[in-house]
Protein backbone atom coordinates (compact mmCIF):
# COMPACT_ATOMS: atom_id res chain seq x y z
CA MET A 1 -10.41 130.49 75.12
CA VAL A 2 -12.62 133.40 76.05
CA SER A 3 -15.89 131.51 76.20
CA ASP A 4 -17.39 128.40 77.69
CA LEU A 5 -17.27 126.69 74.30
CA ALA A 6 -13.59 126.06 74.78
CA THR A 7 -14.38 123.19 77.13
CA VAL A 8 -16.40 121.20 74.60
CA GLU A 9 -15.59 119.62 71.27
CA ARG A 10 -18.88 120.56 69.60
CA THR A 11 -21.78 122.37 71.21
CA PRO A 12 -25.22 123.13 69.73
CA ILE A 13 -26.31 126.65 70.59
CA ALA A 14 -29.52 127.02 72.54
CA GLY A 15 -32.46 128.25 70.54
CA SER A 16 -31.16 127.07 67.18
CA ASP A 17 -33.88 124.46 66.70
CA ALA A 18 -36.67 127.02 66.70
CA ALA A 19 -34.88 129.18 64.18
CA GLU A 20 -34.02 126.16 62.04
CA ALA A 21 -37.67 125.57 61.26
CA GLY A 22 -37.81 128.88 59.42
CA GLY A 23 -34.91 127.90 57.17
CA ARG A 24 -36.30 124.61 55.95
CA ARG A 25 -38.63 125.99 53.30
CA ALA A 26 -38.21 124.07 50.08
CA GLY A 27 -39.43 124.70 46.60
CA GLY A 28 -42.25 122.19 47.12
CA ARG A 29 -43.11 118.98 48.91
CA TRP A 30 -41.37 116.93 46.21
CA ASP A 31 -38.07 118.83 46.43
CA GLY A 32 -37.22 117.37 49.81
CA LEU A 33 -37.01 113.83 48.41
CA PRO A 34 -33.52 112.32 48.06
CA PRO A 35 -32.32 111.73 44.48
CA PHE A 36 -33.02 107.98 44.46
CA ALA A 37 -36.60 108.66 45.58
CA GLN A 38 -37.06 111.26 42.84
CA TYR A 39 -35.92 108.84 40.14
CA GLY A 40 -37.99 106.06 41.66
CA THR A 41 -41.06 108.26 41.73
CA SER A 42 -40.49 109.17 38.07
CA LEU A 43 -40.49 105.47 37.19
CA LEU A 44 -43.68 105.08 39.23
CA PHE A 45 -45.28 107.83 37.11
CA VAL A 46 -44.36 105.82 34.00
CA ALA A 47 -45.77 102.63 35.53
CA LEU A 48 -49.07 104.39 36.24
CA ALA A 49 -49.17 105.71 32.67
CA THR A 50 -48.50 102.19 31.40
CA GLY A 51 -51.38 100.81 33.44
CA PHE A 52 -53.71 103.49 32.12
CA ALA A 53 -52.55 102.73 28.57
CA PHE A 54 -53.51 99.08 29.05
CA ILE A 55 -57.01 100.20 30.08
CA VAL A 56 -57.63 102.38 27.02
CA GLU A 57 -55.61 100.34 24.51
CA ASP A 58 -58.73 98.75 23.01
CA ARG A 59 -60.37 102.13 22.44
CA ILE A 60 -57.49 103.93 20.73
CA GLY A 61 -54.71 102.76 18.48
CA ALA A 62 -51.12 102.20 19.56
CA PRO A 63 -49.80 105.42 17.95
CA ASN A 64 -52.25 107.49 20.00
CA LEU A 65 -51.08 105.86 23.22
CA THR A 66 -47.87 107.86 22.96
CA LEU A 67 -49.63 110.93 24.34
CA ILE A 68 -50.30 109.08 27.59
CA PHE A 69 -46.55 108.62 28.11
CA VAL A 70 -45.98 112.36 27.84
CA LEU A 71 -47.88 112.84 31.12
CA PRO A 72 -45.28 111.19 33.41
CA VAL A 73 -42.58 113.25 31.71
CA ILE A 74 -44.45 116.47 32.52
CA ALA A 75 -44.99 115.31 36.10
CA ALA A 76 -41.34 114.34 36.61
CA ALA A 77 -39.95 117.51 35.01
CA SER A 78 -42.27 119.75 37.02
CA ALA A 79 -41.59 118.00 40.31
CA PHE A 80 -37.91 117.06 40.05
CA GLY A 81 -36.25 118.72 37.07
CA TRP A 82 -34.06 117.46 34.24
CA GLY A 83 -32.57 114.20 35.50
CA PRO A 84 -35.72 112.37 36.60
CA SER A 85 -37.63 113.66 33.58
CA LEU A 86 -35.02 112.16 31.22
CA VAL A 87 -35.43 108.84 33.02
CA ALA A 88 -39.19 109.15 32.54
CA ILE A 89 -38.66 109.79 28.81
CA LEU A 90 -36.52 106.71 28.31
CA ALA A 91 -38.73 104.52 30.47
CA GLY A 92 -41.85 105.75 28.67
CA VAL A 93 -40.44 105.06 25.21
CA LEU A 94 -39.29 101.59 26.27
CA ALA A 95 -42.63 100.79 27.90
CA PHE A 96 -44.54 101.91 24.81
CA ASP A 97 -42.28 99.86 22.56
CA PHE A 98 -42.31 96.75 24.76
CA PHE A 99 -46.00 96.56 25.63
CA PHE A 100 -47.91 98.25 22.82
CA THR A 101 -46.13 97.75 19.50
CA GLU A 102 -45.98 94.60 17.43
CA PRO A 103 -44.37 92.22 18.15
CA LYS A 104 -45.44 92.77 21.76
CA TYR A 105 -43.14 92.04 24.65
CA SER A 106 -40.17 92.75 22.48
CA LEU A 107 -38.16 95.89 21.79
CA ALA A 108 -38.39 95.21 18.06
CA ILE A 109 -40.91 97.30 16.09
CA ALA A 110 -42.44 95.74 12.98
CA SER A 111 -44.73 98.55 11.79
CA PRO A 112 -43.21 101.73 10.33
CA SER A 113 -46.09 103.71 11.81
CA ASN A 114 -45.15 102.50 15.27
CA VAL A 115 -41.53 103.45 14.61
CA TRP A 116 -42.67 106.97 13.84
CA ALA A 117 -44.93 106.94 16.90
CA ALA A 118 -42.05 105.96 19.16
CA ALA A 119 -39.77 108.57 17.60
CA LEU A 120 -42.45 111.22 17.91
CA LEU A 121 -42.97 110.27 21.56
CA LEU A 122 -39.26 110.72 22.18
CA VAL A 123 -39.15 114.14 20.53
CA ILE A 124 -42.34 115.48 22.12
CA ALA A 125 -41.38 114.18 25.55
CA ALA A 126 -37.93 115.77 25.28
CA ILE A 127 -39.41 119.16 24.31
CA VAL A 128 -42.03 119.02 27.04
CA SER A 129 -39.38 117.97 29.56
CA ALA A 130 -37.18 120.93 28.64
CA VAL A 131 -40.04 123.41 28.97
CA ALA A 132 -41.33 121.96 32.25
CA ALA A 133 -37.84 121.74 33.79
CA GLU A 134 -37.06 125.35 32.85
CA THR A 135 -40.38 126.48 34.28
CA ARG A 136 -39.57 124.66 37.50
CA ARG A 137 -36.11 126.24 37.66
CA ARG A 138 -37.55 129.73 37.27
CA ARG A 139 -40.26 129.02 39.83
CA LEU A 140 -37.72 127.84 42.40
CA ALA A 141 -35.46 130.82 41.68
CA ALA A 142 -38.35 133.22 42.17
CA GLN A 143 -39.36 131.47 45.36
CA ARG A 144 -35.80 131.63 46.71
CA ALA A 145 -35.62 135.34 45.90
CA ALA A 146 -38.93 135.89 47.71
CA GLU A 147 -37.72 133.94 50.76
CA GLN A 148 -34.50 135.94 50.88
CA ALA A 149 -36.38 139.22 50.56
CA GLN A 150 -38.77 138.16 53.32
CA ALA A 151 -35.86 137.26 55.60
CA LEU A 152 -34.27 140.67 55.08
CA GLN A 153 -37.63 142.39 55.56
CA THR A 154 -38.17 140.65 58.89
CA LEU A 155 -34.72 141.74 60.06
CA ALA A 156 -35.34 145.30 58.86
CA HIS A 157 -38.60 145.47 60.81
CA ALA A 158 -36.81 144.34 63.98
CA VAL A 159 -34.23 147.10 63.52
CA ILE A 160 -36.78 149.80 62.63
CA GLN A 161 -38.95 148.90 65.60
CA ALA A 162 -35.89 149.22 67.87
CA ARG A 163 -36.34 145.77 69.31
CA PRO A 164 -33.97 144.67 72.09
CA GLU A 165 -30.48 143.80 70.96
CA ARG A 166 -30.93 140.10 71.71
CA GLU A 167 -33.97 139.93 69.43
CA ILE A 168 -32.22 141.77 66.60
CA VAL A 169 -29.17 139.49 66.79
CA ALA A 170 -31.46 136.44 66.78
CA ALA A 171 -33.38 137.87 63.80
CA ALA A 172 -30.09 138.40 61.96
CA ALA A 173 -29.02 134.79 62.56
CA THR A 174 -32.41 133.55 61.34
CA ALA A 175 -32.14 135.78 58.26
CA LEU A 176 -28.74 134.31 57.38
CA ASN A 177 -30.11 130.79 57.79
CA GLN A 178 -33.12 131.50 55.58
CA ILE A 179 -31.08 133.32 52.93
CA PHE A 180 -28.43 130.62 52.57
CA ARG A 181 -30.32 127.57 53.88
CA ALA A 182 -27.24 126.85 55.96
CA PRO A 183 -26.36 126.92 59.67
CA ALA A 184 -25.60 130.44 60.87
CA VAL A 185 -24.14 131.90 64.05
CA ILE A 186 -23.46 135.41 65.30
CA PHE A 187 -20.74 136.24 67.82
CA THR A 188 -20.96 139.37 69.95
CA ARG A 189 -19.17 140.75 72.96
CA ARG A 190 -21.29 140.25 76.07
CA GLU A 191 -20.35 140.58 79.71
CA GLY A 192 -16.67 140.89 78.87
CA ALA A 193 -16.57 137.75 76.65
CA PHE A 194 -16.77 137.29 72.89
CA ARG A 195 -19.07 134.35 72.29
CA PRO A 196 -22.05 133.13 70.23
CA ALA A 197 -25.12 135.24 70.91
CA ALA A 198 -27.56 133.64 68.45
CA SER A 199 -27.71 130.84 65.91
CA ALA A 200 -30.07 129.23 63.40
CA GLY A 201 -30.25 126.12 61.26
CA GLY A 202 -28.91 123.76 63.91
CA ALA A 203 -25.52 125.50 64.06
CA THR A 204 -22.85 123.91 66.22
CA VAL A 205 -19.61 125.66 67.09
CA THR A 206 -16.24 124.07 67.79
CA THR A 207 -13.21 125.66 69.42
CA ALA A 208 -11.72 125.98 65.91
CA ASP A 209 -14.79 127.93 64.77
CA GLU A 210 -14.49 130.18 67.80
CA GLU A 211 -10.82 130.84 67.07
CA ALA A 212 -11.71 131.77 63.49
CA ALA A 213 -14.43 134.17 64.70
CA ILE A 214 -12.01 135.85 67.07
CA GLY A 215 -9.46 136.07 64.27
CA ALA A 216 -11.99 137.76 62.01
CA ARG A 217 -12.84 140.20 64.80
CA ASP A 218 -9.20 141.06 65.55
CA SER A 219 -8.07 141.35 61.93
CA ARG A 220 -11.35 142.95 60.78
CA LEU A 221 -11.12 140.72 57.72
CA PRO A 222 -13.31 137.80 56.59
CA THR A 223 -12.09 134.25 57.10
CA ARG A 224 -12.93 131.20 55.01
CA ALA A 225 -13.79 127.75 56.29
CA ASP A 226 -11.26 124.98 55.75
CA ASN A 227 -8.61 127.52 54.72
CA TYR A 228 -5.49 129.04 56.21
CA PRO A 229 -5.14 130.27 58.90
CA TYR A 230 -8.16 128.35 60.28
CA PRO A 231 -8.26 125.06 58.35
CA ALA A 232 -10.29 123.29 61.05
CA SER A 233 -13.14 125.82 61.01
CA ASP A 234 -16.43 124.89 59.31
CA PHE A 235 -17.76 128.47 59.18
CA ASP A 236 -17.01 131.43 56.95
CA PHE A 237 -16.85 134.52 59.16
CA TRP A 238 -17.35 138.20 58.39
CA PRO A 239 -16.66 140.97 60.93
CA VAL A 240 -19.23 143.74 61.33
CA VAL A 241 -16.91 146.73 61.57
CA SER A 242 -17.79 150.19 62.84
CA PRO A 243 -15.47 153.20 63.08
CA GLU A 244 -15.11 152.58 66.80
CA ASP A 245 -14.63 148.82 67.04
CA CYS A 246 -15.72 145.39 65.87
CA ARG A 247 -18.20 143.95 68.34
CA CYS A 248 -19.93 141.43 66.08
CA VAL A 249 -18.97 138.63 63.67
CA LEU A 250 -21.34 136.81 61.31
CA GLY A 251 -20.75 133.13 60.52
CA VAL A 252 -22.30 130.77 57.97
CA ASN A 253 -21.48 127.09 57.47
CA PHE A 254 -21.36 126.42 53.72
CA MET A 255 -19.71 123.00 54.03
CA ALA A 256 -22.84 121.06 53.04
CA ARG A 257 -24.26 123.26 50.24
CA GLY A 258 -21.26 125.20 48.99
CA ARG A 259 -20.71 128.94 49.09
CA PRO A 260 -23.06 130.85 46.72
CA ALA A 261 -21.68 133.54 44.45
CA ALA A 262 -23.82 136.26 46.04
CA ALA A 263 -22.83 135.42 49.62
CA ASP A 264 -20.87 138.63 50.24
CA ARG A 265 -23.72 140.80 48.99
CA PHE A 266 -26.24 139.32 51.42
CA ILE A 267 -23.72 139.35 54.26
CA GLU A 268 -23.11 143.04 53.63
CA ILE A 269 -26.84 143.78 53.86
CA VAL A 270 -27.35 141.79 57.07
CA GLY A 271 -24.18 143.28 58.55
CA ALA A 272 -25.36 146.81 57.76
CA TYR A 273 -28.67 146.24 59.54
CA LEU A 274 -26.89 144.74 62.52
CA ALA A 275 -24.30 147.52 62.65
CA ALA A 276 -27.07 150.14 62.63
CA ALA A 277 -28.83 148.37 65.48
CA LEU A 278 -25.68 147.96 67.59
CA ALA A 279 -24.68 151.58 67.02
CA ARG A 280 -27.84 152.87 68.71
CA PRO A 281 -27.49 154.04 72.32
CA ALA A 282 -28.26 151.10 74.60
CA ALA A 283 -31.21 151.28 76.92
CA GLY A 284 -32.42 149.29 79.89
CA GLY A 285 -31.20 145.73 80.11
CA ASP A 286 -29.29 145.96 76.84
CA ARG A 287 -26.91 148.49 78.32
CA GLU A 288 -25.91 146.02 80.99
CA THR A 289 -25.25 143.20 78.52
CA ARG A 290 -23.05 145.32 76.25
CA THR A 291 -20.52 146.17 78.92
C-alpha cells in the first residue's frame, strides 16, 4: 500500500478526538439516553404523577385527577418522542384506574363517571402526545439544519480567510462529522503518498478503507461501503475532482447511522469548498507538502 496504514489492521487518526467533540451535539440532554432509559424515565414520570395524585386526592375528585396524568405524557413526548409517550399514556391510564377508581386496587371500574374519566384521559393524553412529539420532531429537525449550516459556514470562513491547507482539510473533515454525525476522513496526496490528512468523529481507517479511497481517486467515481468492488470498506468515498487531477477524497462512515438521503448534496458542497481551496496557488509550507 502507499501509506503507513497498510501495516496495521485498524488505526485511529491523530487529532480525531478533538474534532469528535464538535460532532456530538444532540437535540437535548435527554436525547443521548439509550431507549431503555427513555422508557424507564417515562414510567418514572408516571410514578411521580401518581404520587402527586395521592397527595391531592382528598381535595379533588377522582375524575379531576386525570389531568395530573397528562403531565407525564407531555414530559415524555417532549423529551423522547412517540414511543415513550405512548408508554406513559398506557401507564397513566392503568395507574389512574388501579389506584383512584372504585373498586380500588383493581382494573375494574364500577362508576360510569370514572369510565368516562379514564376514556377522556386516554383521548386527551393521545392528542397531547401527538402534538408534543411533532413539536419535538420539528425542533430537532430545525436544530440539525442549524448545526449543518454552522458546519458549512465554519468551513467557508476557513476557505475565504485563505487558511493553510492543513487547517482547511481539518475543517472539512469536522464539517462532514458535524453534518452527518458520523466518522469522517479526508485523503490527500502529501509528500508523494496518498493517505489520510484529517479525520473527525473518532474515524479509524483499515487497509480496505484505504484501497477504496484509492479506487475512488483513480476511477474518479464514488464508492459505497460494504459493496462491490470494496465489500470490506466501512466508508463511503467521494473523489474531489478538478480538471487537472483528483488530489482529494472525502470519506464518511455511515455503518452505524445509515446513509441519509441528502448525503450527496452535502458532500458536493464540502467538496466544492475543498476543491476551491486546493486549487489556489500554494504558498510557504503548503507548497512543500503538496509536492
